[in-house]
Amino acid sequence: MMKEARLIRGKKTFTDRYGINRWNLNTCEKEPHRDLFQTCWLSYLVRDYGVSARWLLLGEGCMWEGGLPPKPENLQMICNS
């Protein structure tokens, strides 16, 4: 969804920005039973990309805080605050 909203180009954009090993992220997708997931990754989504914490943790409400994703041109401002 972040890619569709043009907030990132792909997983590499996200992993590079936060120093995440991209292969660990790929493994989390393919093998969710492995213990590689880091909860801090969720905080990046909430803080820098406007993803709703309620949606992430409870699966309730809209995916985006305020109902809509932030505009791509505002993303740099969000990530620098």
N, C-alpha and C. Protein backbone atom coordinates (compact mmCIF):
# COMPACT_ATOMS: atom_id res chain seq x y z
N MET A 1 0.83 -1.20 0.00
CA MET A 1 0.00 0.00 0.00
C MET A 1 0.87 1.25 0.00
N MET A 2 1.98 1.23 0.71
CA MET A 2 2.87 2.40 0.73
C MET A 2 3.47 2.62 -0.65
N LYS A 3 3.73 1.55 -1.35
CA LYS A 3 4.26 1.64 -2.71
C LYS A 3 3.18 2.22 -3.64
N GLU A 4 1.97 1.74 -3.52
CA GLU A 4 0.86 2.25 -4.34
C GLU A 4 0.60 3.73 -4.07
N ALA A 5 0.78 4.15 -2.82
CA ALA A 5 0.58 5.55 -2.45
C ALA A 5 1.79 6.41 -2.83
N ARG A 6 2.81 5.77 -3.39
CA ARG A 6 4.05 6.43 -3.82
C ARG A 6 4.83 7.05 -2.65
N LEU A 7 4.72 6.40 -1.50
CA LEU A 7 5.49 6.83 -0.34
C LEU A 7 6.88 6.22 -0.33
N ILE A 8 6.99 5.03 -0.93
CA ILE A 8 8.28 4.36 -1.10
C ILE A 8 8.30 3.74 -2.49
N ARG A 9 9.50 3.44 -2.98
CA ARG A 9 9.62 2.78 -4.28
C ARG A 9 9.48 1.27 -4.13
N GLY A 10 9.86 0.76 -2.97
CA GLY A 10 9.78 -0.68 -2.70
C GLY A 10 10.38 -0.99 -1.34
N LYS A 11 10.52 -2.27 -1.05
CA LYS A 11 11.05 -2.69 0.25
C LYS A 11 12.44 -2.13 0.51
N LYS A 12 13.25 -2.06 -0.53
CA LYS A 12 14.62 -1.59 -0.38
C LYS A 12 14.66 -0.16 0.14
N THR A 13 13.75 0.68 -0.31
CA THR A 13 13.67 2.06 0.18
C THR A 13 13.47 2.05 1.69
N PHE A 14 12.55 1.25 2.16
CA PHE A 14 12.23 1.17 3.59
C PHE A 14 13.40 0.60 4.38
N THR A 15 13.95 -0.52 3.92
CA THR A 15 15.03 -1.17 4.66
C THR A 15 16.29 -0.32 4.68
N ASP A 16 16.61 0.34 3.60
CA ASP A 16 17.79 1.21 3.57
C ASP A 16 17.64 2.39 4.53
N ARG A 17 16.46 2.99 4.54
CA ARG A 17 16.22 4.16 5.39
C ARG A 17 16.43 3.85 6.87
N TYR A 18 16.08 2.64 7.29
CA TYR A 18 16.13 2.30 8.72
C TYR A 18 17.22 1.28 9.07
N GLY A 19 18.06 0.95 8.13
CA GLY A 19 19.15 0.02 8.41
C GLY A 19 18.68 -1.38 8.73
N ILE A 20 17.62 -1.80 8.06
CA ILE A 20 17.05 -3.14 8.27
C ILE A 20 17.63 -4.08 7.22
N ASN A 21 17.99 -5.28 7.63
CA ASN A 21 18.46 -6.28 6.68
C ASN A 21 17.26 -6.72 5.83
N ARG A 22 17.33 -6.42 4.54
CA ARG A 22 16.19 -6.70 3.65
C ARG A 22 15.86 -8.19 3.61
N TRP A 23 16.88 -9.04 3.72
CA TRP A 23 16.62 -10.48 3.67
C TRP A 23 15.85 -10.93 4.90
N ASN A 24 16.08 -10.27 6.04
CA ASN A 24 15.28 -10.59 7.24
C ASN A 24 13.82 -10.23 7.01
N LEU A 25 13.57 -9.09 6.38
CA LEU A 25 12.20 -8.69 6.08
C LEU A 25 11.54 -9.68 5.12
N ASN A 26 12.29 -10.10 4.11
CA ASN A 26 11.77 -11.10 3.17
C ASN A 26 11.47 -12.42 3.87
N THR A 27 12.34 -12.83 4.77
CA THR A 27 12.14 -14.07 5.52
C THR A 27 10.90 -13.96 6.41
N CYS A 28 10.67 -12.80 7.00
CA CYS A 28 9.47 -12.60 7.82
C CYS A 28 8.21 -12.82 7.00
N GLU A 29 8.24 -12.39 5.76
CA GLU A 29 7.07 -12.59 4.88
C GLU A 29 6.87 -14.06 4.55
N LYS A 30 7.97 -14.73 4.19
CA LYS A 30 7.87 -16.11 3.72
C LYS A 30 7.76 -17.12 4.85
N GLU A 31 8.37 -16.81 5.99
CA GLU A 31 8.40 -17.73 7.12
C GLU A 31 8.06 -16.98 8.41
N PRO A 32 6.78 -16.61 8.58
CA PRO A 32 6.40 -15.79 9.73
C PRO A 32 6.63 -16.47 11.09
N HIS A 33 6.80 -17.77 11.11
CA HIS A 33 7.03 -18.47 12.37
C HIS A 33 8.44 -18.25 12.89
N ARG A 34 9.36 -17.77 12.05
CA ARG A 34 10.73 -17.50 12.50
C ARG A 34 10.75 -16.23 13.33
N ASP A 35 11.67 -16.16 14.25
CA ASP A 35 11.70 -15.06 15.22
C ASP A 35 12.62 -13.92 14.74
N LEU A 36 12.27 -13.30 13.60
CA LEU A 36 13.10 -12.22 13.05
C LEU A 36 12.42 -10.86 13.12
N PHE A 37 11.11 -10.86 13.29
CA PHE A 37 10.36 -9.60 13.27
C PHE A 37 10.75 -8.70 14.43
N GLN A 38 10.95 -7.42 14.13
CA GLN A 38 11.29 -6.43 15.15
C GLN A 38 10.12 -5.46 15.31
N THR A 39 9.61 -5.33 16.51
CA THR A 39 8.46 -4.45 16.73
C THR A 39 8.76 -2.99 16.41
N CYS A 40 10.03 -2.58 16.49
CA CYS A 40 10.37 -1.19 16.16
C CYS A 40 10.02 -0.87 14.70
N TRP A 41 9.96 -1.87 13.84
CA TRP A 41 9.59 -1.62 12.44
C TRP A 41 8.20 -1.00 12.36
N LEU A 42 7.32 -1.40 13.27
CA LEU A 42 5.97 -0.83 13.29
C LEU A 42 6.00 0.65 13.64
N SER A 43 6.89 1.03 14.54
CA SER A 43 6.97 2.44 14.94
C SER A 43 7.38 3.31 13.76
N TYR A 44 8.22 2.81 12.86
CA TYR A 44 8.61 3.58 11.68
C TYR A 44 7.40 3.83 10.79
N LEU A 45 6.56 2.82 10.66
CA LEU A 45 5.36 2.96 9.82
C LEU A 45 4.42 4.01 10.39
N VAL A 46 4.26 3.99 11.71
CA VAL A 46 3.36 4.94 12.37
C VAL A 46 3.93 6.34 12.34
N ARG A 47 5.17 6.48 12.77
CA ARG A 47 5.79 7.80 12.91
C ARG A 47 6.06 8.49 11.57
N ASP A 48 6.59 7.75 10.61
CA ASP A 48 7.09 8.37 9.39
C ASP A 48 6.19 8.23 8.17
N TYR A 49 5.23 7.30 8.21
CA TYR A 49 4.41 7.06 7.03
C TYR A 49 2.92 7.24 7.27
N GLY A 50 2.52 7.63 8.46
CA GLY A 50 1.12 7.90 8.73
C GLY A 50 0.23 6.69 8.83
N VAL A 51 0.82 5.51 9.06
CA VAL A 51 0.01 4.30 9.23
C VAL A 51 -0.60 4.34 10.63
N SER A 52 -1.84 3.95 10.74
CA SER A 52 -2.56 3.96 12.01
C SER A 52 -2.05 2.85 12.93
N ALA A 53 -1.64 3.23 14.13
CA ALA A 53 -1.20 2.25 15.13
C ALA A 53 -2.35 1.31 15.49
N ARG A 54 -3.55 1.85 15.58
CA ARG A 54 -4.73 1.03 15.90
C ARG A 54 -4.94 -0.04 14.83
N TRP A 55 -4.79 0.35 13.58
CA TRP A 55 -4.95 -0.60 12.48
C TRP A 55 -3.87 -1.68 12.53
N LEU A 56 -2.62 -1.26 12.77
CA LEU A 56 -1.52 -2.22 12.83
C LEU A 56 -1.69 -3.22 13.96
N LEU A 57 -2.05 -2.73 15.14
CA LEU A 57 -2.08 -3.60 16.31
C LEU A 57 -3.38 -4.35 16.50
N LEU A 58 -4.49 -3.73 16.11
CA LEU A 58 -5.80 -4.35 16.36
C LEU A 58 -6.55 -4.75 15.09
N GLY A 59 -6.10 -4.25 13.96
CA GLY A 59 -6.80 -4.55 12.71
C GLY A 59 -8.13 -3.82 12.61
N GLU A 60 -8.25 -2.70 13.33
CA GLU A 60 -9.50 -1.93 13.34
C GLU A 60 -9.28 -0.57 12.69
N GLY A 61 -10.32 -0.08 12.05
CA GLY A 61 -10.28 1.26 11.48
C GLY A 61 -9.55 1.32 10.15
N CYS A 62 -9.20 2.53 9.79
CA CYS A 62 -8.53 2.80 8.52
C CYS A 62 -7.03 2.53 8.65
N MET A 63 -6.41 2.09 7.57
CA MET A 63 -4.97 1.84 7.57
C MET A 63 -4.19 3.12 7.82
N TRP A 64 -4.70 4.25 7.33
CA TRP A 64 -3.98 5.52 7.42
C TRP A 64 -4.56 6.39 8.53
N GLU A 65 -3.70 6.98 9.30
CA GLU A 65 -4.12 7.95 10.32
C GLU A 65 -4.79 9.10 9.59
N GLY A 66 -5.98 9.46 9.99
CA GLY A 66 -6.71 10.53 9.33
C GLY A 66 -7.45 10.08 8.08
N GLY A 67 -7.38 8.79 7.73
CA GLY A 67 -8.15 8.26 6.62
C GLY A 67 -7.45 8.21 5.28
N LEU A 68 -6.42 9.03 5.07
CA LEU A 68 -5.71 9.06 3.79
C LEU A 68 -4.21 9.00 4.02
N PRO A 69 -3.47 8.41 3.07
CA PRO A 69 -2.01 8.40 3.23
C PRO A 69 -1.46 9.82 3.10
N PRO A 70 -0.30 10.08 3.71
CA PRO A 70 0.31 11.40 3.52
C PRO A 70 0.70 11.58 2.06
N LYS A 71 0.79 12.79 1.61
CA LYS A 71 1.22 13.06 0.23
C LYS A 71 2.71 12.80 0.13
N PRO A 72 3.15 12.19 -0.97
CA PRO A 72 4.58 11.87 -1.13
C PRO A 72 5.49 13.09 -0.95
N GLU A 73 5.04 14.26 -1.38
CA GLU A 73 5.89 15.45 -1.25
C GLU A 73 6.08 15.87 0.21
N ASN A 74 5.21 15.40 1.10
CA ASN A 74 5.34 15.70 2.52
C ASN A 74 6.13 14.65 3.29
N LEU A 75 6.49 13.58 2.62
CA LEU A 75 7.16 12.47 3.30
C LEU A 75 8.50 12.88 3.88
N GLN A 76 9.31 13.59 3.16
CA GLN A 76 10.62 14.00 3.67
C GLN A 76 10.46 14.81 4.94
N MET A 77 9.49 15.69 4.97
CA MET A 77 9.22 16.49 6.16
C MET A 77 8.87 15.60 7.34
N ILE A 78 8.06 14.59 7.09
CA ILE A 78 7.64 13.66 8.15
C ILE A 78 8.85 12.90 8.68
N CYS A 79 9.69 12.42 7.79
CA CYS A 79 10.84 11.60 8.21
C CYS A 79 11.91 12.42 8.91
N ASN A 80 11.94 13.71 8.72
CA ASN A 80 12.96 14.55 9.35
C ASN A 80 12.50 15.14 10.66
N SER A 81 11.24 14.96 11.03
CA SER A 81 10.76 15.56 12.27
C SER A 81 11.05 14.69 13.46
